[in-house]
Amino acid sequence: MELTNIKDLFREKEKYQGRKVTVGGWVRSNRDSKNFGFLVVNDGTFFEPLQIVYHDNMENFAEVSKLNVGAAIIVK
């Protein structure tokens, strides 16, 4: 599995636009509501973190909504 750096996502937006990527990093914050939530993830390659939206249609919605700050994750 090849991980994409968050730095590359921000610096080469055109290259990754419309493509599926895999990112690994640590949870900086997790905000969830009834139907969706937001994970803020940082991998240490860029000063700006990546915000990931997740929703209740996902099989692992309950597990994702319980992730704590500092948890290491891989997101596709």
PDB file of N, CA and C in Angstrom:
ATOM      1  N   MET A   1       0.842  -1.167   0.000  1.00  0.00           N
ATOM      2  CA  MET A   1       0.000   0.000   0.000  1.00  0.00           C
ATOM      3  C   MET A   1       0.892   1.237   0.000  1.00  0.00           C
ATOM      4  N   GLU A   2       0.640   2.102  -0.929  1.00  0.00           N
ATOM      5  CA  GLU A   2       1.422   3.332  -1.045  1.00  0.00           C
ATOM      6  C   GLU A   2       0.640   4.492  -0.444  1.00  0.00           C
ATOM      7  N   LEU A   3       1.243   5.152   0.549  1.00  0.00           N
ATOM      8  CA  LEU A   3       0.603   6.294   1.188  1.00  0.00           C
ATOM      9  C   LEU A   3       0.999   7.580   0.482  1.00  0.00           C
ATOM     10  N   THR A   4       0.053   8.482   0.373  1.00  0.00           N
ATOM     11  CA  THR A   4       0.291   9.807  -0.206  1.00  0.00           C
ATOM     12  C   THR A   4       0.519  10.785   0.935  1.00  0.00           C
ATOM     13  N   ASN A   5       1.561  11.590   0.850  1.00  0.00           N
ATOM     14  CA  ASN A   5       1.828  12.611   1.863  1.00  0.00           C
ATOM     15  C   ASN A   5       0.812  13.734   1.750  1.00  0.00           C
ATOM     16  N   ILE A   6       0.414  14.272   2.886  1.00  0.00           N
ATOM     17  CA  ILE A   6      -0.498  15.416   2.893  1.00  0.00           C
ATOM     18  C   ILE A   6       0.156  16.606   2.199  1.00  0.00           C
ATOM     19  N   LYS A   7       1.456  16.746   2.362  1.00  0.00           N
ATOM     20  CA  LYS A   7       2.205  17.816   1.681  1.00  0.00           C
ATOM     21  C   LYS A   7       1.979  17.745   0.177  1.00  0.00           C
ATOM     22  N   ASP A   8       2.062  16.540  -0.382  1.00  0.00           N
ATOM     23  CA  ASP A   8       1.868  16.376  -1.822  1.00  0.00           C
ATOM     24  C   ASP A   8       0.448  16.727  -2.247  1.00  0.00           C
ATOM     25  N   LEU A   9      -0.533  16.381  -1.420  1.00  0.00           N
ATOM     26  CA  LEU A   9      -1.930  16.708  -1.747  1.00  0.00           C
ATOM     27  C   LEU A   9      -2.134  18.212  -1.861  1.00  0.00           C
ATOM     28  N   PHE A  10      -1.515  18.966  -0.962  1.00  0.00           N
ATOM     29  CA  PHE A  10      -1.670  20.418  -0.986  1.00  0.00           C
ATOM     30  C   PHE A  10      -0.842  21.069  -2.095  1.00  0.00           C
ATOM     31  N   ARG A  11       0.348  20.557  -2.347  1.00  0.00           N
ATOM     32  CA  ARG A  11       1.239  21.194  -3.320  1.00  0.00           C
ATOM     33  C   ARG A  11       0.943  20.797  -4.758  1.00  0.00           C
ATOM     34  N   GLU A  12       0.369  19.614  -4.967  1.00  0.00           N
ATOM     35  CA  GLU A  12       0.079  19.127  -6.314  1.00  0.00           C
ATOM     36  C   GLU A  12      -1.399  18.775  -6.456  1.00  0.00           C
ATOM     37  N   LYS A  13      -2.263  19.717  -6.156  1.00  0.00           N
ATOM     38  CA  LYS A  13      -3.714  19.484  -6.148  1.00  0.00           C
ATOM     39  C   LYS A  13      -4.236  18.945  -7.470  1.00  0.00           C
ATOM     40  N   GLU A  14      -3.729  19.478  -8.565  1.00  0.00           N
ATOM     41  CA  GLU A  14      -4.214  19.054  -9.881  1.00  0.00           C
ATOM     42  C   GLU A  14      -3.915  17.578 -10.143  1.00  0.00           C
ATOM     43  N   LYS A  15      -2.782  17.115  -9.682  1.00  0.00           N
ATOM     44  CA  LYS A  15      -2.359  15.725  -9.887  1.00  0.00           C
ATOM     45  C   LYS A  15      -3.300  14.737  -9.192  1.00  0.00           C
ATOM     46  N   TYR A  16      -3.819  15.116  -8.029  1.00  0.00           N
ATOM     47  CA  TYR A  16      -4.640  14.210  -7.230  1.00  0.00           C
ATOM     48  C   TYR A  16      -6.138  14.458  -7.354  1.00  0.00           C
ATOM     49  N   GLN A  17      -6.536  15.509  -8.014  1.00  0.00           N
ATOM     50  CA  GLN A  17      -7.952  15.844  -8.140  1.00  0.00           C
ATOM     51  C   GLN A  17      -8.699  14.725  -8.874  1.00  0.00           C
ATOM     52  N   GLY A  18      -9.773  14.238  -8.265  1.00  0.00           N
ATOM     53  CA  GLY A  18     -10.596  13.201  -8.861  1.00  0.00           C
ATOM     54  C   GLY A  18     -10.040  11.793  -8.716  1.00  0.00           C
ATOM     55  N   ARG A  19      -8.910  11.624  -8.008  1.00  0.00           N
ATOM     56  CA  ARG A  19      -8.300  10.310  -7.819  1.00  0.00           C
ATOM     57  C   ARG A  19      -8.491   9.837  -6.388  1.00  0.00           C
ATOM     58  N   LYS A  20      -8.498   8.521  -6.213  1.00  0.00           N
ATOM     59  CA  LYS A  20      -8.530   7.948  -4.867  1.00  0.00           C
ATOM     60  C   LYS A  20      -7.108   7.863  -4.348  1.00  0.00           C
ATOM     61  N   VAL A  21      -6.926   8.289  -3.104  1.00  0.00           N
ATOM     62  CA  VAL A  21      -5.602   8.252  -2.480  1.00  0.00           C
ATOM     63  C   VAL A  21      -5.716   7.604  -1.103  1.00  0.00           C
ATOM     64  N   THR A  22      -4.590   7.147  -0.597  1.00  0.00           N
ATOM     65  CA  THR A  22      -4.513   6.588   0.752  1.00  0.00           C
ATOM     66  C   THR A  22      -3.567   7.453   1.561  1.00  0.00           C
ATOM     67  N   VAL A  23      -4.041   7.907   2.721  1.00  0.00           N
ATOM     68  CA  VAL A  23      -3.272   8.794   3.587  1.00  0.00           C
ATOM     69  C   VAL A  23      -3.179   8.163   4.963  1.00  0.00           C
ATOM     70  N   GLY A  24      -2.017   8.225   5.563  1.00  0.00           N
ATOM     71  CA  GLY A  24      -1.825   7.763   6.934  1.00  0.00           C
ATOM     72  C   GLY A  24      -1.409   8.917   7.801  1.00  0.00           C
ATOM     73  N   GLY A  25      -1.838   8.900   9.047  1.00  0.00           N
ATOM     74  CA  GLY A  25      -1.462   9.976   9.952  1.00  0.00           C
ATOM     75  C   GLY A  25      -2.097   9.812  11.309  1.00  0.00           C
ATOM     76  N   TRP A  26      -2.072  10.881  12.085  1.00  0.00           N
ATOM     77  CA  TRP A  26      -2.586  10.876  13.437  1.00  0.00           C
ATOM     78  C   TRP A  26      -3.770  11.830  13.551  1.00  0.00           C
ATOM     79  N   VAL A  27      -4.765  11.420  14.293  1.00  0.00           N
ATOM     80  CA  VAL A  27      -5.985  12.212  14.485  1.00  0.00           C
ATOM     81  C   VAL A  27      -5.659  13.400  15.380  1.00  0.00           C
ATOM     82  N   ARG A  28      -5.939  14.592  14.872  1.00  0.00           N
ATOM     83  CA  ARG A  28      -5.765  15.823  15.663  1.00  0.00           C
ATOM     84  C   ARG A  28      -7.069  16.206  16.351  1.00  0.00           C
ATOM     85  N   SER A  29      -8.206  15.924  15.668  1.00  0.00           N
ATOM     86  CA  SER A  29      -9.515  16.151  16.285  1.00  0.00           C
ATOM     87  C   SER A  29     -10.548  15.297  15.556  1.00  0.00           C
ATOM     88  N   ASN A  30     -11.642  15.043  16.254  1.00  0.00           N
ATOM     89  CA  ASN A  30     -12.738  14.249  15.705  1.00  0.00           C
ATOM     90  C   ASN A  30     -14.043  14.886  16.179  1.00  0.00           C
ATOM     91  N   ARG A  31     -14.802  15.410  15.240  1.00  0.00           N
ATOM     92  CA  ARG A  31     -16.103  16.019  15.555  1.00  0.00           C
ATOM     93  C   ARG A  31     -17.162  15.226  14.810  1.00  0.00           C
ATOM     94  N   ASP A  32     -18.135  14.728  15.545  1.00  0.00           N
ATOM     95  CA  ASP A  32     -19.169  13.941  14.881  1.00  0.00           C
ATOM     96  C   ASP A  32     -20.549  14.383  15.321  1.00  0.00           C
ATOM     97  N   SER A  33     -21.513  14.083  14.471  1.00  0.00           N
ATOM     98  CA  SER A  33     -22.914  14.321  14.787  1.00  0.00           C
ATOM     99  C   SER A  33     -23.655  13.031  14.485  1.00  0.00           C
ATOM    100  N   LYS A  34     -24.933  13.113  14.377  1.00  0.00           N
ATOM    101  CA  LYS A  34     -25.749  11.926  14.162  1.00  0.00           C
ATOM    102  C   LYS A  34     -25.451  11.224  12.834  1.00  0.00           C
ATOM    103  N   ASN A  35     -25.277  11.977  11.759  1.00  0.00           N
ATOM    104  CA  ASN A  35     -25.165  11.396  10.420  1.00  0.00           C
ATOM    105  C   ASN A  35     -23.792  11.506   9.773  1.00  0.00           C
ATOM    106  N   PHE A  36     -22.924  12.363  10.286  1.00  0.00           N
ATOM    107  CA  PHE A  36     -21.616  12.550   9.664  1.00  0.00           C
ATOM    108  C   PHE A  36     -20.637  13.101  10.690  1.00  0.00           C
ATOM    109  N   GLY A  37     -19.368  13.153  10.293  1.00  0.00           N
ATOM    110  CA  GLY A  37     -18.357  13.685  11.182  1.00  0.00           C
ATOM    111  C   GLY A  37     -17.144  14.156  10.408  1.00  0.00           C
ATOM    112  N   PHE A  38     -16.213  14.783  11.117  1.00  0.00           N
ATOM    113  CA  PHE A  38     -14.999  15.321  10.518  1.00  0.00           C
ATOM    114  C   PHE A  38     -13.795  14.851  11.322  1.00  0.00           C
ATOM    115  N   LEU A  39     -12.814  14.282  10.626  1.00  0.00           N
ATOM    116  CA  LEU A  39     -11.533  13.939  11.224  1.00  0.00           C
ATOM    117  C   LEU A  39     -10.500  14.930  10.702  1.00  0.00           C
ATOM    118  N   VAL A  40      -9.705  15.468  11.584  1.00  0.00           N
ATOM    119  CA  VAL A  40      -8.576  16.294  11.182  1.00  0.00           C
ATOM    120  C   VAL A  40      -7.341  15.437  11.406  1.00  0.00           C
ATOM    121  N   VAL A  41      -6.592  15.192  10.315  1.00  0.00           N
ATOM    122  CA  VAL A  41      -5.461  14.268  10.336  1.00  0.00           C
ATOM    123  C   VAL A  41      -4.195  14.995   9.903  1.00  0.00           C
ATOM    124  N   ASN A  42      -3.089  14.691  10.580  1.00  0.00           N
ATOM    125  CA  ASN A  42      -1.793  15.252  10.213  1.00  0.00           C
ATOM    126  C   ASN A  42      -0.779  14.120  10.137  1.00  0.00           C
ATOM    127  N   ASP A  43       0.068  14.137   9.104  1.00  0.00           N
ATOM    128  CA  ASP A  43       1.086  13.096   8.967  1.00  0.00           C
ATOM    129  C   ASP A  43       2.499  13.615   9.214  1.00  0.00           C
ATOM    130  N   GLY A  44       2.639  14.877   9.586  1.00  0.00           N
ATOM    131  CA  GLY A  44       3.937  15.446   9.894  1.00  0.00           C
ATOM    132  C   GLY A  44       4.698  15.980   8.693  1.00  0.00           C
ATOM    133  N   THR A  45       4.124  15.904   7.492  1.00  0.00           N
ATOM    134  CA  THR A  45       4.834  16.369   6.304  1.00  0.00           C
ATOM    135  C   THR A  45       4.484  17.796   5.913  1.00  0.00           C
ATOM    136  N   PHE A  46       3.434  18.359   6.525  1.00  0.00           N
ATOM    137  CA  PHE A  46       2.965  19.682   6.127  1.00  0.00           C
ATOM    138  C   PHE A  46       2.355  20.354   7.345  1.00  0.00           C
ATOM    139  N   PHE A  47       2.434  21.677   7.398  1.00  0.00           N
ATOM    140  CA  PHE A  47       1.893  22.412   8.545  1.00  0.00           C
ATOM    141  C   PHE A  47       0.366  22.415   8.558  1.00  0.00           C
ATOM    142  N   GLU A  48      -0.256  22.225   7.416  1.00  0.00           N
ATOM    143  CA  GLU A  48      -1.717  22.236   7.295  1.00  0.00           C
ATOM    144  C   GLU A  48      -2.236  20.794   7.389  1.00  0.00           C
ATOM    145  N   PRO A  49      -3.185  20.508   8.279  1.00  0.00           N
ATOM    146  CA  PRO A  49      -3.732  19.151   8.362  1.00  0.00           C
ATOM    147  C   PRO A  49      -4.787  18.922   7.274  1.00  0.00           C
ATOM    148  N   LEU A  50      -5.178  17.685   7.126  1.00  0.00           N
ATOM    149  CA  LEU A  50      -6.184  17.284   6.152  1.00  0.00           C
ATOM    150  C   LEU A  50      -7.490  17.009   6.890  1.00  0.00           C
ATOM    151  N   GLN A  51      -8.584  17.561   6.396  1.00  0.00           N
ATOM    152  CA  GLN A  51      -9.894  17.285   6.997  1.00  0.00           C
ATOM    153  C   GLN A  51     -10.594  16.205   6.181  1.00  0.00           C
ATOM    154  N   ILE A  52     -11.054  15.174   6.856  1.00  0.00           N
ATOM    155  CA  ILE A  52     -11.711  14.044   6.217  1.00  0.00           C
ATOM    156  C   ILE A  52     -13.144  13.974   6.713  1.00  0.00           C
ATOM    157  N   VAL A  53     -14.083  13.880   5.789  1.00  0.00           N
ATOM    158  CA  VAL A  53     -15.501  13.786   6.134  1.00  0.00           C
ATOM    159  C   VAL A  53     -15.900  12.312   6.104  1.00  0.00           C
ATOM    160  N   TYR A  54     -16.595  11.864   7.132  1.00  0.00           N
ATOM    161  CA  TYR A  54     -17.127  10.504   7.136  1.00  0.00           C
ATOM    162  C   TYR A  54     -18.626  10.563   7.413  1.00  0.00           C
ATOM    163  N   HIS A  55     -19.345   9.515   6.997  1.00  0.00           N
ATOM    164  CA  HIS A  55     -20.807   9.545   7.081  1.00  0.00           C
ATOM    165  C   HIS A  55     -21.363   8.218   7.583  1.00  0.00           C
ATOM    166  N   ASP A  56     -22.623   8.227   7.941  1.00  0.00           N
ATOM    167  CA  ASP A  56     -23.251   7.050   8.556  1.00  0.00           C
ATOM    168  C   ASP A  56     -23.532   5.913   7.575  1.00  0.00           C
ATOM    169  N   ASN A  57     -23.273   6.097   6.285  1.00  0.00           N
ATOM    170  CA  ASN A  57     -23.411   5.012   5.312  1.00  0.00           C
ATOM    171  C   ASN A  57     -22.220   4.065   5.350  1.00  0.00           C
ATOM    172  N   MET A  58     -21.171   4.451   6.034  1.00  0.00           N
ATOM    173  CA  MET A  58     -19.970   3.623   6.129  1.00  0.00           C
ATOM    174  C   MET A  58     -20.196   2.498   7.132  1.00  0.00           C
ATOM    175  N   GLU A  59     -19.631   1.329   6.839  1.00  0.00           N
ATOM    176  CA  GLU A  59     -19.763   0.177   7.735  1.00  0.00           C
ATOM    177  C   GLU A  59     -19.173   0.455   9.114  1.00  0.00           C
ATOM    178  N   ASN A  60     -18.066   1.176   9.155  1.00  0.00           N
ATOM    179  CA  ASN A  60     -17.358   1.406  10.415  1.00  0.00           C
ATOM    180  C   ASN A  60     -17.613   2.794  11.006  1.00  0.00           C
ATOM    181  N   PHE A  61     -18.775   3.372  10.733  1.00  0.00           N
ATOM    182  CA  PHE A  61     -19.095   4.716  11.222  1.00  0.00           C
ATOM    183  C   PHE A  61     -18.967   4.805  12.746  1.00  0.00           C
ATOM    184  N   ALA A  62     -19.490   3.826  13.462  1.00  0.00           N
ATOM    185  CA  ALA A  62     -19.454   3.856  14.929  1.00  0.00           C
ATOM    186  C   ALA A  62     -18.011   3.844  15.440  1.00  0.00           C
ATOM    187  N   GLU A  63     -17.158   3.027  14.830  1.00  0.00           N
ATOM    188  CA  GLU A  63     -15.759   2.959  15.262  1.00  0.00           C
ATOM    189  C   GLU A  63     -15.008   4.248  14.950  1.00  0.00           C
ATOM    190  N   VAL A  64     -15.261   4.793  13.770  1.00  0.00           N
ATOM    191  CA  VAL A  64     -14.570   6.028  13.378  1.00  0.00           C
ATOM    192  C   VAL A  64     -14.989   7.176  14.293  1.00  0.00           C
ATOM    193  N   SER A  65     -16.262   7.240  14.633  1.00  0.00           N
ATOM    194  CA  SER A  65     -16.729   8.344  15.480  1.00  0.00           C
ATOM    195  C   SER A  65     -16.169   8.262  16.898  1.00  0.00           C
ATOM    196  N   LYS A  66     -15.630   7.104  17.291  1.00  0.00           N
ATOM    197  CA  LYS A  66     -15.056   6.933  18.629  1.00  0.00           C
ATOM    198  C   LYS A  66     -13.535   7.106  18.656  1.00  0.00           C
ATOM    199  N   LEU A  67     -12.913   7.405  17.517  1.00  0.00           N
ATOM    200  CA  LEU A  67     -11.459   7.574  17.490  1.00  0.00           C
ATOM    201  C   LEU A  67     -11.036   8.739  18.368  1.00  0.00           C
ATOM    202  N   ASN A  68      -9.972   8.534  19.113  1.00  0.00           N
ATOM    203  CA  ASN A  68      -9.449   9.566  20.008  1.00  0.00           C
ATOM    204  C   ASN A  68      -8.322  10.341  19.363  1.00  0.00           C
ATOM    205  N   VAL A  69      -8.053  11.519  19.890  1.00  0.00           N
ATOM    206  CA  VAL A  69      -6.928  12.329  19.438  1.00  0.00           C
ATOM    207  C   VAL A  69      -5.645  11.525  19.666  1.00  0.00           C
ATOM    208  N   GLY A  70      -4.794  11.523  18.640  1.00  0.00           N
ATOM    209  CA  GLY A  70      -3.536  10.788  18.726  1.00  0.00           C
ATOM    210  C   GLY A  70      -3.582   9.415  18.110  1.00  0.00           C
ATOM    211  N   ALA A  71      -4.771   8.941  17.757  1.00  0.00           N
ATOM    212  CA  ALA A  71      -4.893   7.622  17.138  1.00  0.00           C
ATOM    213  C   ALA A  71      -4.237   7.634  15.760  1.00  0.00           C
ATOM    214  N   ALA A  72      -3.501   6.574  15.437  1.00  0.00           N
ATOM    215  CA  ALA A  72      -2.881   6.442  14.111  1.00  0.00           C
ATOM    216  C   ALA A  72      -3.873   5.761  13.196  1.00  0.00           C
ATOM    217  N   ILE A  73      -4.115   6.350  12.018  1.00  0.00           N
ATOM    218  CA  ILE A  73      -5.100   5.800  11.099  1.00  0.00           C
ATOM    219  C   ILE A  73      -4.582   5.818   9.668  1.00  0.00           C
ATOM    220  N   ILE A  74      -5.204   4.993   8.849  1.00  0.00           N
ATOM    221  CA  ILE A  74      -4.997   5.011   7.405  1.00  0.00           C
ATOM    222  C   ILE A  74      -6.361   5.191   6.779  1.00  0.00           C
ATOM    223  N   VAL A  75      -6.478   6.157   5.871  1.00  0.00           N
ATOM    224  CA  VAL A  75      -7.750   6.513   5.260  1.00  0.00           C
ATOM    225  C   VAL A  75      -7.614   6.413   3.752  1.00  0.00           C
ATOM    226  N   LYS A  76      -8.609   5.793   3.117  1.00  0.00           N
ATOM    227  CA  LYS A  76      -8.642   5.745   1.650  1.00  0.00           C
ATOM    228  C   LYS A  76      -9.681   6.714   1.150  1.00  0.00           C
TER     229      LYS A  76
END
